[in-house]
PDB file of N, CA and C in Angstrom:
ATOM      1  N   MET A   1       0.830  -1.161   0.000  1.00  0.00           N
ATOM      2  CA  MET A   1       0.000   0.000   0.000  1.00  0.00           C
ATOM      3  C   MET A   1       0.887   1.242   0.000  1.00  0.00           C
ATOM      4  N   SER A   2       0.665   2.142  -0.973  1.00  0.00           N
ATOM      5  CA  SER A   2       1.506   3.330  -1.085  1.00  0.00           C
ATOM      6  C   SER A   2       0.913   4.481  -0.291  1.00  0.00           C
ATOM      7  N   LYS A   3       1.813   5.276   0.254  1.00  0.00           N
ATOM      8  CA  LYS A   3       1.392   6.480   1.001  1.00  0.00           C
ATOM      9  C   LYS A   3       1.221   7.625   0.032  1.00  0.00           C
ATOM     10  N   ARG A   4       0.057   8.222   0.016  1.00  0.00           N
ATOM     11  CA  ARG A   4      -0.193   9.387  -0.827  1.00  0.00           C
ATOM     12  C   ARG A   4      -0.078  10.633   0.039  1.00  0.00           C
ATOM     13  N   PRO A   5       0.408  11.725  -0.550  1.00  0.00           N
ATOM     14  CA  PRO A   5       0.473  12.956   0.238  1.00  0.00           C
ATOM     15  C   PRO A   5      -0.925  13.378   0.700  1.00  0.00           C
ATOM     16  N   ALA A   6      -0.995  13.945   1.893  1.00  0.00           N
ATOM     17  CA  ALA A   6      -2.271  14.368   2.455  1.00  0.00           C
ATOM     18  C   ALA A   6      -2.913  15.472   1.613  1.00  0.00           C
ATOM     19  N   PHE A   7      -2.086  16.288   0.971  1.00  0.00           N
ATOM     20  CA  PHE A   7      -2.589  17.373   0.134  1.00  0.00           C
ATOM     21  C   PHE A   7      -2.070  17.170  -1.280  1.00  0.00           C
ATOM     22  N   PRO A   8      -2.947  16.918  -2.227  1.00  0.00           N
ATOM     23  CA  PRO A   8      -2.501  16.737  -3.609  1.00  0.00           C
ATOM     24  C   PRO A   8      -1.700  17.946  -4.080  1.00  0.00           C
ATOM     25  N   GLY A   9      -0.641  17.687  -4.817  1.00  0.00           N
ATOM     26  CA  GLY A   9       0.180  18.769  -5.350  1.00  0.00           C
ATOM     27  C   GLY A   9       1.230  19.240  -4.370  1.00  0.00           C
ATOM     28  N   MET A  10       1.231  18.691  -3.161  1.00  0.00           N
ATOM     29  CA  MET A  10       2.199  19.118  -2.164  1.00  0.00           C
ATOM     30  C   MET A  10       3.242  18.028  -1.923  1.00  0.00           C
ATOM     31  N   GLY A  11       3.414  17.182  -2.883  1.00  0.00           N
ATOM     32  CA  GLY A  11       4.393  16.118  -2.770  1.00  0.00           C
ATOM     33  C   GLY A  11       5.792  16.654  -2.988  1.00  0.00           C
ATOM     34  N   MET A  12       6.664  15.833  -3.433  1.00  0.00           N
ATOM     35  CA  MET A  12       8.072  16.185  -3.594  1.00  0.00           C
ATOM     36  C   MET A  12       8.283  17.317  -4.597  1.00  0.00           C
ATOM     37  N   GLY A  13       7.431  17.427  -5.618  1.00  0.00           N
ATOM     38  CA  GLY A  13       7.626  18.442  -6.640  1.00  0.00           C
ATOM     39  C   GLY A  13       7.141  19.828  -6.248  1.00  0.00           C
ATOM     40  N   GLY A  14       6.206  19.939  -5.319  1.00  0.00           N
ATOM     41  CA  GLY A  14       5.649  21.230  -4.908  1.00  0.00           C
ATOM     42  C   GLY A  14       6.357  21.778  -3.690  1.00  0.00           C
ATOM     43  N   MET A  15       6.046  23.034  -3.378  1.00  0.00           N
ATOM     44  CA  MET A  15       6.635  23.655  -2.200  1.00  0.00           C
ATOM     45  C   MET A  15       5.936  23.075  -0.973  1.00  0.00           C
ATOM     46  N   ASN A  16       6.708  22.601  -0.018  1.00  0.00           N
ATOM     47  CA  ASN A  16       6.072  22.050   1.166  1.00  0.00           C
ATOM     48  C   ASN A  16       5.701  23.143   2.154  1.00  0.00           C
ATOM     49  N   MET A  17       4.910  22.789   3.133  1.00  0.00           N
ATOM     50  CA  MET A  17       4.389  23.754   4.096  1.00  0.00           C
ATOM     51  C   MET A  17       5.515  24.425   4.874  1.00  0.00           C
ATOM     52  N   GLN A  18       6.537  23.688   5.200  1.00  0.00           N
ATOM     53  CA  GLN A  18       7.661  24.256   5.960  1.00  0.00           C
ATOM     54  C   GLN A  18       8.360  25.346   5.148  1.00  0.00           C
ATOM     55  N   GLN A  19       8.554  25.125   3.869  1.00  0.00           N
ATOM     56  CA  GLN A  19       9.176  26.134   3.003  1.00  0.00           C
ATOM     57  C   GLN A  19       8.281  27.367   2.904  1.00  0.00           C
ATOM     58  N   MET A  20       6.975  27.138   2.781  1.00  0.00           N
ATOM     59  CA  MET A  20       6.040  28.265   2.687  1.00  0.00           C
ATOM     60  C   MET A  20       6.059  29.090   3.972  1.00  0.00           C
ATOM     61  N   MET A  21       6.096  28.435   5.109  1.00  0.00           N
ATOM     62  CA  MET A  21       6.120  29.142   6.390  1.00  0.00           C
ATOM     63  C   MET A  21       7.423  29.926   6.547  1.00  0.00           C
ATOM     64  N   LYS A  22       8.528  29.342   6.126  1.00  0.00           N
ATOM     65  CA  LYS A  22       9.823  30.015   6.215  1.00  0.00           C
ATOM     66  C   LYS A  22       9.824  31.262   5.320  1.00  0.00           C
ATOM     67  N   GLN A  23       9.273  31.130   4.130  1.00  0.00           N
ATOM     68  CA  GLN A  23       9.203  32.254   3.198  1.00  0.00           C
ATOM     69  C   GLN A  23       8.266  33.352   3.735  1.00  0.00           C
ATOM     70  N   ALA A  24       7.153  32.957   4.314  1.00  0.00           N
ATOM     71  CA  ALA A  24       6.210  33.928   4.885  1.00  0.00           C
ATOM     72  C   ALA A  24       6.851  34.668   6.057  1.00  0.00           C
ATOM     73  N   LYS A  25       7.604  33.965   6.888  1.00  0.00           N
ATOM     74  CA  LYS A  25       8.273  34.593   8.029  1.00  0.00           C
ATOM     75  C   LYS A  25       9.321  35.595   7.548  1.00  0.00           C
ATOM     76  N   LYS A  26      10.062  35.231   6.520  1.00  0.00           N
ATOM     77  CA  LYS A  26      11.073  36.129   5.968  1.00  0.00           C
ATOM     78  C   LYS A  26      10.411  37.402   5.423  1.00  0.00           C
ATOM     79  N   LEU A  27       9.315  37.228   4.721  1.00  0.00           N
ATOM     80  CA  LEU A  27       8.571  38.361   4.167  1.00  0.00           C
ATOM     81  C   LEU A  27       8.049  39.261   5.283  1.00  0.00           C
ATOM     82  N   GLN A  28       7.527  38.656   6.332  1.00  0.00           N
ATOM     83  CA  GLN A  28       7.016  39.411   7.478  1.00  0.00           C
ATOM     84  C   GLN A  28       8.147  40.211   8.138  1.00  0.00           C
ATOM     85  N   GLU A  29       9.312  39.628   8.263  1.00  0.00           N
ATOM     86  CA  GLU A  29      10.460  40.323   8.858  1.00  0.00           C
ATOM     87  C   GLU A  29      10.890  41.508   7.992  1.00  0.00           C
ATOM     88  N   GLN A  30      10.888  41.312   6.679  1.00  0.00           N
ATOM     89  CA  GLN A  30      11.252  42.404   5.768  1.00  0.00           C
ATOM     90  C   GLN A  30      10.258  43.550   5.871  1.00  0.00           C
ATOM     91  N   MET A  31       8.976  43.231   5.937  1.00  0.00           N
ATOM     92  CA  MET A  31       7.949  44.265   6.053  1.00  0.00           C
ATOM     93  C   MET A  31       8.090  45.021   7.376  1.00  0.00           C
ATOM     94  N   ALA A  32       8.365  44.310   8.458  1.00  0.00           N
ATOM     95  CA  ALA A  32       8.531  44.944   9.763  1.00  0.00           C
ATOM     96  C   ALA A  32       9.734  45.876   9.749  1.00  0.00           C
ATOM     97  N   GLN A  33      10.812  45.462   9.096  1.00  0.00           N
ATOM     98  CA  GLN A  33      12.014  46.298   9.008  1.00  0.00           C
ATOM     99  C   GLN A  33      11.719  47.570   8.211  1.00  0.00           C
ATOM    100  N   GLU A  34      11.002  47.442   7.122  1.00  0.00           N
ATOM    101  CA  GLU A  34      10.666  48.621   6.316  1.00  0.00           C
ATOM    102  C   GLU A  34       9.735  49.554   7.076  1.00  0.00           C
ATOM    103  N   GLN A  35       8.779  48.991   7.827  1.00  0.00           N
ATOM    104  CA  GLN A  35       7.886  49.824   8.630  1.00  0.00           C
ATOM    105  C   GLN A  35       8.677  50.551   9.713  1.00  0.00           C
ATOM    106  N   GLU A  36       9.621  49.873  10.333  1.00  0.00           N
ATOM    107  CA  GLU A  36      10.468  50.498  11.354  1.00  0.00           C
ATOM    108  C   GLU A  36      11.278  51.636  10.742  1.00  0.00           C
ATOM    109  N   ASN A  37      11.758  51.442   9.531  1.00  0.00           N
ATOM    110  CA  ASN A  37      12.514  52.480   8.837  1.00  0.00           C
ATOM    111  C   ASN A  37      11.644  53.725   8.623  1.00  0.00           C
ATOM    112  N   ILE A  38      10.406  53.531   8.240  1.00  0.00           N
ATOM    113  CA  ILE A  38       9.493  54.664   8.049  1.00  0.00           C
ATOM    114  C   ILE A  38       9.244  55.371   9.379  1.00  0.00           C
ATOM    115  N   THR A  39       9.069  54.591  10.436  1.00  0.00           N
ATOM    116  CA  THR A  39       8.768  55.149  11.754  1.00  0.00           C
ATOM    117  C   THR A  39       9.878  56.077  12.246  1.00  0.00           C
ATOM    118  N   THR A  40      11.112  55.791  11.893  1.00  0.00           N
ATOM    119  CA  THR A  40      12.235  56.604  12.376  1.00  0.00           C
ATOM    120  C   THR A  40      12.442  57.876  11.556  1.00  0.00           C
ATOM    121  N   GLN A  41      11.754  57.993  10.445  1.00  0.00           N
ATOM    122  CA  GLN A  41      11.900  59.174   9.598  1.00  0.00           C
ATOM    123  C   GLN A  41      11.011  60.316  10.096  1.00  0.00           C
ATOM    124  N   GLU A  42      11.333  61.529   9.630  1.00  0.00           N
ATOM    125  CA  GLU A  42      10.482  62.686   9.907  1.00  0.00           C
ATOM    126  C   GLU A  42       9.873  63.171   8.607  1.00  0.00           C
ATOM    127  N   PHE A  43       8.634  63.652   8.700  1.00  0.00           N
ATOM    128  CA  PHE A  43       7.893  64.147   7.550  1.00  0.00           C
ATOM    129  C   PHE A  43       7.359  65.528   7.901  1.00  0.00           C
ATOM    130  N   THR A  44       7.489  66.459   6.959  1.00  0.00           N
ATOM    131  CA  THR A  44       7.107  67.841   7.226  1.00  0.00           C
ATOM    132  C   THR A  44       6.086  68.321   6.217  1.00  0.00           C
ATOM    133  N   GLY A  45       5.001  68.871   6.744  1.00  0.00           N
ATOM    134  CA  GLY A  45       3.984  69.509   5.918  1.00  0.00           C
ATOM    135  C   GLY A  45       4.075  71.012   6.111  1.00  0.00           C
ATOM    136  N   LYS A  46       4.050  71.747   5.006  1.00  0.00           N
ATOM    137  CA  LYS A  46       4.176  73.208   5.068  1.00  0.00           C
ATOM    138  C   LYS A  46       2.991  73.858   4.377  1.00  0.00           C
ATOM    139  N   ALA A  47       2.551  74.981   4.942  1.00  0.00           N
ATOM    140  CA  ALA A  47       1.424  75.708   4.369  1.00  0.00           C
ATOM    141  C   ALA A  47       1.834  77.154   4.105  1.00  0.00           C
ATOM    142  N   ALA A  48       1.427  77.675   2.970  1.00  0.00           N
ATOM    143  CA  ALA A  48       1.536  79.097   2.620  1.00  0.00           C
ATOM    144  C   ALA A  48       2.860  79.738   3.023  1.00  0.00           C
ATOM    145  N   ASP A  49       3.872  79.543   2.209  1.00  0.00           N
ATOM    146  CA  ASP A  49       5.182  80.159   2.454  1.00  0.00           C
ATOM    147  C   ASP A  49       5.728  79.838   3.837  1.00  0.00           C
ATOM    148  N   ASP A  50       5.535  78.621   4.283  1.00  0.00           N
ATOM    149  CA  ASP A  50       6.032  78.156   5.583  1.00  0.00           C
ATOM    150  C   ASP A  50       5.443  78.939   6.759  1.00  0.00           C
ATOM    151  N   MET A  51       4.251  79.485   6.584  1.00  0.00           N
ATOM    152  CA  MET A  51       3.592  80.192   7.688  1.00  0.00           C
ATOM    153  C   MET A  51       3.291  79.210   8.827  1.00  0.00           C
ATOM    154  N   VAL A  52       2.955  77.971   8.451  1.00  0.00           N
ATOM    155  CA  VAL A  52       2.735  76.906   9.423  1.00  0.00           C
ATOM    156  C   VAL A  52       3.490  75.682   8.929  1.00  0.00           C
ATOM    157  N   VAL A  53       4.264  75.069   9.837  1.00  0.00           N
ATOM    158  CA  VAL A  53       5.038  73.877   9.505  1.00  0.00           C
ATOM    159  C   VAL A  53       4.740  72.806  10.550  1.00  0.00           C
ATOM    160  N   ALA A  54       4.255  71.666  10.095  1.00  0.00           N
ATOM    161  CA  ALA A  54       3.940  70.538  10.978  1.00  0.00           C
ATOM    162  C   ALA A  54       4.920  69.407  10.685  1.00  0.00           C
ATOM    163  N   THR A  55       5.585  68.928  11.724  1.00  0.00           N
ATOM    164  CA  THR A  55       6.553  67.848  11.567  1.00  0.00           C
ATOM    165  C   THR A  55       6.057  66.616  12.313  1.00  0.00           C
ATOM    166  N   PHE A  56       6.059  65.481  11.611  1.00  0.00           N
ATOM    167  CA  PHE A  56       5.585  64.209  12.148  1.00  0.00           C
ATOM    168  C   PHE A  56       6.703  63.181  12.135  1.00  0.00           C
ATOM    169  N   THR A  57       6.582  62.196  13.017  1.00  0.00           N
ATOM    170  CA  THR A  57       7.394  60.996  12.884  1.00  0.00           C
ATOM    171  C   THR A  57       6.599  60.026  12.022  1.00  0.00           C
ATOM    172  N   GLY A  58       7.262  59.008  11.522  1.00  0.00           N
ATOM    173  CA  GLY A  58       6.611  58.071  10.611  1.00  0.00           C
ATOM    174  C   GLY A  58       5.463  57.296  11.219  1.00  0.00           C
ATOM    175  N   ASP A  59       5.348  57.291  12.534  1.00  0.00           N
ATOM    176  CA  ASP A  59       4.211  56.610  13.158  1.00  0.00           C
ATOM    177  C   ASP A  59       3.032  57.555  13.366  1.00  0.00           C
ATOM    178  N   ARG A  60       3.058  58.678  12.638  1.00  0.00           N
ATOM    179  CA  ARG A  60       1.972  59.651  12.586  1.00  0.00           C
ATOM    180  C   ARG A  60       1.822  60.456  13.876  1.00  0.00           C
ATOM    181  N   THR A  61       2.922  60.597  14.616  1.00  0.00           N
ATOM    182  CA  THR A  61       2.917  61.411  15.827  1.00  0.00           C
ATOM    183  C   THR A  61       3.377  62.818  15.467  1.00  0.00           C
ATOM    184  N   LEU A  62       2.590  63.817  15.854  1.00  0.00           N
ATOM    185  CA  LEU A  62       2.965  65.200  15.618  1.00  0.00           C
ATOM    186  C   LEU A  62       4.105  65.545  16.566  1.00  0.00           C
ATOM    187  N   LYS A  63       5.252  65.875  15.990  1.00  0.00           N
ATOM    188  CA  LYS A  63       6.452  66.153  16.778  1.00  0.00           C
ATOM    189  C   LYS A  63       6.586  67.642  17.079  1.00  0.00           C
ATOM    190  N   SER A  64       6.268  68.471  16.095  1.00  0.00           N
ATOM    191  CA  SER A  64       6.329  69.916  16.320  1.00  0.00           C
ATOM    192  C   SER A  64       5.361  70.629  15.384  1.00  0.00           C
ATOM    193  N   LEU A  65       4.953  71.802  15.821  1.00  0.00           N
ATOM    194  CA  LEU A  65       4.069  72.648  15.033  1.00  0.00           C
ATOM    195  C   LEU A  65       4.589  74.071  15.166  1.00  0.00           C
ATOM    196  N   PHE A  66       5.116  74.595  14.065  1.00  0.00           N
ATOM    197  CA  PHE A  66       5.678  75.945  14.055  1.00  0.00           C
ATOM    198  C   PHE A  66       4.685  76.874  13.370  1.00  0.00           C
ATOM    199  N   ILE A  67       4.404  78.004  14.011  1.00  0.00           N
ATOM    200  CA  ILE A  67       3.496  78.998  13.447  1.00  0.00           C
ATOM    201  C   ILE A  67       4.204  80.346  13.471  1.00  0.00           C
ATOM    202  N   LYS A  68       4.358  80.940  12.301  1.00  0.00           N
ATOM    203  CA  LYS A  68       4.961  82.273  12.244  1.00  0.00           C
ATOM    204  C   LYS A  68       4.007  83.276  12.895  1.00  0.00           C
ATOM    205  N   PRO A  69       4.548  84.233  13.615  1.00  0.00           N
ATOM    206  CA  PRO A  69       3.692  85.225  14.283  1.00  0.00           C
ATOM    207  C   PRO A  69       2.752  85.959  13.322  1.00  0.00           C
ATOM    208  N   GLU A  70       3.207  86.217  12.115  1.00  0.00           N
ATOM    209  CA  GLU A  70       2.344  86.937  11.168  1.00  0.00           C
ATOM    210  C   GLU A  70       1.155  86.102  10.691  1.00  0.00           C
ATOM    211  N   ALA A  71       1.173  84.797  10.987  1.00  0.00           N
ATOM    212  CA  ALA A  71       0.022  83.950  10.632  1.00  0.00           C
ATOM    213  C   ALA A  71      -1.105  84.099  11.648  1.00  0.00           C
ATOM    214  N   ILE A  72      -0.794  84.719  12.766  1.00  0.00           N
ATOM    215  CA  ILE A  72      -1.787  84.863  13.837  1.00  0.00           C
ATOM    216  C   ILE A  72      -2.444  86.231  13.716  1.00  0.00           C
ATOM    217  N   ASP A  73      -3.598  86.233  13.095  1.00  0.00           N
ATOM    218  CA  ASP A  73      -4.371  87.457  12.921  1.00  0.00           C
ATOM    219  C   ASP A  73      -5.626  87.336  13.777  1.00  0.00           C
ATOM    220  N   PRO A  74      -5.705  88.123  14.867  1.00  0.00           N
ATOM    221  CA  PRO A  74      -6.865  88.011  15.748  1.00  0.00           C
ATOM    222  C   PRO A  74      -8.194  88.298  15.043  1.00  0.00           C
ATOM    223  N   ASP A  75      -8.139  89.034  13.935  1.00  0.00           N
ATOM    224  CA  ASP A  75      -9.363  89.340  13.199  1.00  0.00           C
ATOM    225  C   ASP A  75      -9.739  88.247  12.200  1.00  0.00           C
ATOM    226  N   ASP A  76      -8.843  87.265  12.016  1.00  0.00           N
ATOM    227  CA  ASP A  76      -9.108  86.199  11.041  1.00  0.00           C
ATOM    228  C   ASP A  76      -8.606  84.855  11.566  1.00  0.00           C
ATOM    229  N   PRO A  77      -9.213  84.329  12.635  1.00  0.00           N
ATOM    230  CA  PRO A  77      -8.763  83.040  13.178  1.00  0.00           C
ATOM    231  C   PRO A  77      -8.978  81.883  12.207  1.00  0.00           C
ATOM    232  N   ASP A  78      -9.934  82.021  11.297  1.00  0.00           N
ATOM    233  CA  ASP A  78     -10.185  80.964  10.314  1.00  0.00           C
ATOM    234  C   ASP A  78      -8.979  80.731   9.416  1.00  0.00           C
ATOM    235  N   MET A  79      -8.240  81.795   9.095  1.00  0.00           N
ATOM    236  CA  MET A  79      -7.068  81.647   8.248  1.00  0.00           C
ATOM    237  C   MET A  79      -6.030  80.764   8.941  1.00  0.00           C
ATOM    238  N   LEU A  80      -5.799  80.999  10.221  1.00  0.00           N
ATOM    239  CA  LEU A  80      -4.834  80.186  10.959  1.00  0.00           C
ATOM    240  C   LEU A  80      -5.288  78.728  11.016  1.00  0.00           C
ATOM    241  N   GLU A  81      -6.549  78.510  11.255  1.00  0.00           N
ATOM    242  CA  GLU A  81      -7.079  77.144  11.262  1.00  0.00           C
ATOM    243  C   GLU A  81      -6.821  76.457   9.925  1.00  0.00           C
ATOM    244  N   ASP A  82      -7.092  77.168   8.833  1.00  0.00           N
ATOM    245  CA  ASP A  82      -6.887  76.601   7.495  1.00  0.00           C
ATOM    246  C   ASP A  82      -5.410  76.271   7.251  1.00  0.00           C
ATOM    247  N   LEU A  83      -4.514  77.143   7.704  1.00  0.00           N
ATOM    248  CA  LEU A  83      -3.081  76.907   7.525  1.00  0.00           C
ATOM    249  C   LEU A  83      -2.622  75.684   8.314  1.00  0.00           C
ATOM    250  N   VAL A  84      -3.096  75.550   9.537  1.00  0.00           N
ATOM    251  CA  VAL A  84      -2.731  74.390  10.362  1.00  0.00           C
ATOM    252  C   VAL A  84      -3.254  73.105   9.726  1.00  0.00           C
ATOM    253  N   ILE A  85      -4.501  73.120   9.315  1.00  0.00           N
ATOM    254  CA  ILE A  85      -5.090  71.932   8.677  1.00  0.00           C
ATOM    255  C   ILE A  85      -4.308  71.561   7.417  1.00  0.00           C
ATOM    256  N   ASP A  86      -3.953  72.541   6.609  1.00  0.00           N
ATOM    257  CA  ASP A  86      -3.212  72.288   5.370  1.00  0.00           C
ATOM    258  C   ASP A  86      -1.848  71.676   5.669  1.00  0.00           C
ATOM    259  N   ALA A  87      -1.121  72.250   6.614  1.00  0.00           N
ATOM    260  CA  ALA A  87       0.210  71.740   6.951  1.00  0.00           C
ATOM    261  C   ALA A  87       0.129  70.320   7.509  1.00  0.00           C
ATOM    262  N   VAL A  88      -0.823  70.077   8.392  1.00  0.00           N
ATOM    263  CA  VAL A  88      -0.983  68.747   8.991  1.00  0.00           C
ATOM    264  C   VAL A  88      -1.340  67.717   7.918  1.00  0.00           C
ATOM    265  N   ASN A  89      -2.290  68.041   7.061  1.00  0.00           N
ATOM    266  CA  ASN A  89      -2.682  67.100   6.009  1.00  0.00           C
ATOM    267  C   ASN A  89      -1.543  66.810   5.053  1.00  0.00           C
ATOM    268  N   LYS A  90      -0.741  67.807   4.730  1.00  0.00           N
ATOM    269  CA  LYS A  90       0.411  67.583   3.839  1.00  0.00           C
ATOM    270  C   LYS A  90       1.443  66.670   4.496  1.00  0.00           C
ATOM    271  N   GLY A  91       1.684  66.846   5.781  1.00  0.00           N
ATOM    272  CA  GLY A  91       2.617  65.966   6.489  1.00  0.00           C
ATOM    273  C   GLY A  91       2.128  64.537   6.527  1.00  0.00           C
ATOM    274  N   LEU A  92       0.858  64.348   6.832  1.00  0.00           N
ATOM    275  CA  LEU A  92       0.280  63.002   6.872  1.00  0.00           C
ATOM    276  C   LEU A  92       0.293  62.349   5.491  1.00  0.00           C
ATOM    277  N   LYS A  93       0.061  63.150   4.457  1.00  0.00           N
ATOM    278  CA  LYS A  93       0.090  62.606   3.094  1.00  0.00           C
ATOM    279  C   LYS A  93       1.492  62.113   2.745  1.00  0.00           C
ATOM    280  N   GLN A  94       2.514  62.816   3.198  1.00  0.00           N
ATOM    281  CA  GLN A  94       3.887  62.367   2.952  1.00  0.00           C
ATOM    282  C   GLN A  94       4.143  61.010   3.602  1.00  0.00           C
ATOM    283  N   ILE A  95       3.629  60.816   4.812  1.00  0.00           N
ATOM    284  CA  ILE A  95       3.790  59.526   5.488  1.00  0.00           C
ATOM    285  C   ILE A  95       3.082  58.432   4.679  1.00  0.00           C
ATOM    286  N   ASP A  96       1.865  58.707   4.233  1.00  0.00           N
ATOM    287  CA  ASP A  96       1.120  57.731   3.429  1.00  0.00           C
ATOM    288  C   ASP A  96       1.866  57.371   2.153  1.00  0.00           C
ATOM    289  N   GLN A  97       2.426  58.368   1.489  1.00  0.00           N
ATOM    290  CA  GLN A  97       3.155  58.118   0.240  1.00  0.00           C
ATOM    291  C   GLN A  97       4.410  57.294   0.500  1.00  0.00           C
ATOM    292  N   ALA A  98       5.140  57.610   1.555  1.00  0.00           N
ATOM    293  CA  ALA A  98       6.352  56.853   1.881  1.00  0.00           C
ATOM    294  C   ALA A  98       6.009  55.416   2.246  1.00  0.00           C
ATOM    295  N   THR A  99       4.916  55.244   2.983  1.00  0.00           N
ATOM    296  CA  THR A  99       4.486  53.896   3.363  1.00  0.00           C
ATOM    297  C   THR A  99       4.092  53.102   2.126  1.00  0.00           C
ATOM    298  N   GLN A 100       3.320  53.714   1.247  1.00  0.00           N
ATOM    299  CA  GLN A 100       2.909  53.034   0.024  1.00  0.00           C
ATOM    300  C   GLN A 100       4.105  52.675  -0.841  1.00  0.00           C
ATOM    301  N   GLN A 101       5.039  53.588  -0.952  1.00  0.00           N
ATOM    302  CA  GLN A 101       6.226  53.340  -1.773  1.00  0.00           C
ATOM    303  C   GLN A 101       7.064  52.209  -1.182  1.00  0.00           C
ATOM    304  N   SER A 102       7.189  52.180   0.128  1.00  0.00           N
ATOM    305  CA  SER A 102       8.023  51.186   0.778  1.00  0.00           C
ATOM    306  C   SER A 102       7.339  49.827   0.909  1.00  0.00           C
ATOM    307  N   LEU A 103       6.095  49.830   1.347  1.00  0.00           N
ATOM    308  CA  LEU A 103       5.402  48.572   1.613  1.00  0.00           C
ATOM    309  C   LEU A 103       4.486  48.131   0.478  1.00  0.00           C
ATOM    310  N   GLY A 104       4.253  48.996  -0.479  1.00  0.00           N
ATOM    311  CA  GLY A 104       3.366  48.664  -1.586  1.00  0.00           C
ATOM    312  C   GLY A 104       3.815  47.469  -2.392  1.00  0.00           C
ATOM    313  N   LYS A 105       5.106  47.240  -2.457  1.00  0.00           N
ATOM    314  CA  LYS A 105       5.614  46.098  -3.225  1.00  0.00           C
ATOM    315  C   LYS A 105       5.178  44.770  -2.608  1.00  0.00           C
ATOM    316  N   TYR A 106       4.880  44.776  -1.315  1.00  0.00           N
ATOM    317  CA  TYR A 106       4.434  43.545  -0.649  1.00  0.00           C
ATOM    318  C   TYR A 106       2.944  43.315  -0.810  1.00  0.00           C
ATOM    319  N   THR A 107       2.182  44.399  -0.978  1.00  0.00           N
ATOM    320  CA  THR A 107       0.733  44.263  -1.061  1.00  0.00           C
ATOM    321  C   THR A 107       0.201  44.339  -2.486  1.00  0.00           C
ATOM    322  N   LYS A 108       1.086  44.570  -3.440  1.00  0.00           N
ATOM    323  CA  LYS A 108       0.659  44.677  -4.844  1.00  0.00           C
ATOM    324  C   LYS A 108      -0.071  43.393  -5.245  1.00  0.00           C
ATOM    325  N   GLY A 109      -1.260  43.563  -5.787  1.00  0.00           N
ATOM    326  CA  GLY A 109      -2.022  42.419  -6.256  1.00  0.00           C
ATOM    327  C   GLY A 109      -2.904  41.774  -5.189  1.00  0.00           C
ATOM    328  N   LEU A 110      -2.777  42.234  -3.937  1.00  0.00           N
ATOM    329  CA  LEU A 110      -3.582  41.652  -2.871  1.00  0.00           C
ATOM    330  C   LEU A 110      -4.895  42.369  -2.683  1.00  0.00           C
ATOM    331  N   MET A 111      -4.985  43.609  -3.161  1.00  0.00           N
ATOM    332  CA  MET A 111      -6.213  44.390  -2.939  1.00  0.00           C
ATOM    333  C   MET A 111      -6.969  44.546  -4.225  1.00  0.00           C
TER     334      MET A 111
END
């Protein structure tokens, strides 16, 4: 009586489960390293001639927010709000782009 593999196609000619797990672990380690690399970087969003500058770490933590004094107009608080929102969104977009560029190669074709 011959022993047949428990999973057809997973015999000697196919990749066995141990090889697949080893490859998946290696891929996971590479992705974690790339994510760590992004986390250690800084990303800066700037609004209107650097009137407001927002600096983030790669884990999306706001590290600093610089506001030029001339951006603070007591008669127009909405302008300052708009400048802060613009700078923050630009900084966050840079993080998203860097993440996509770095980790996108691993997720290509999965979504």
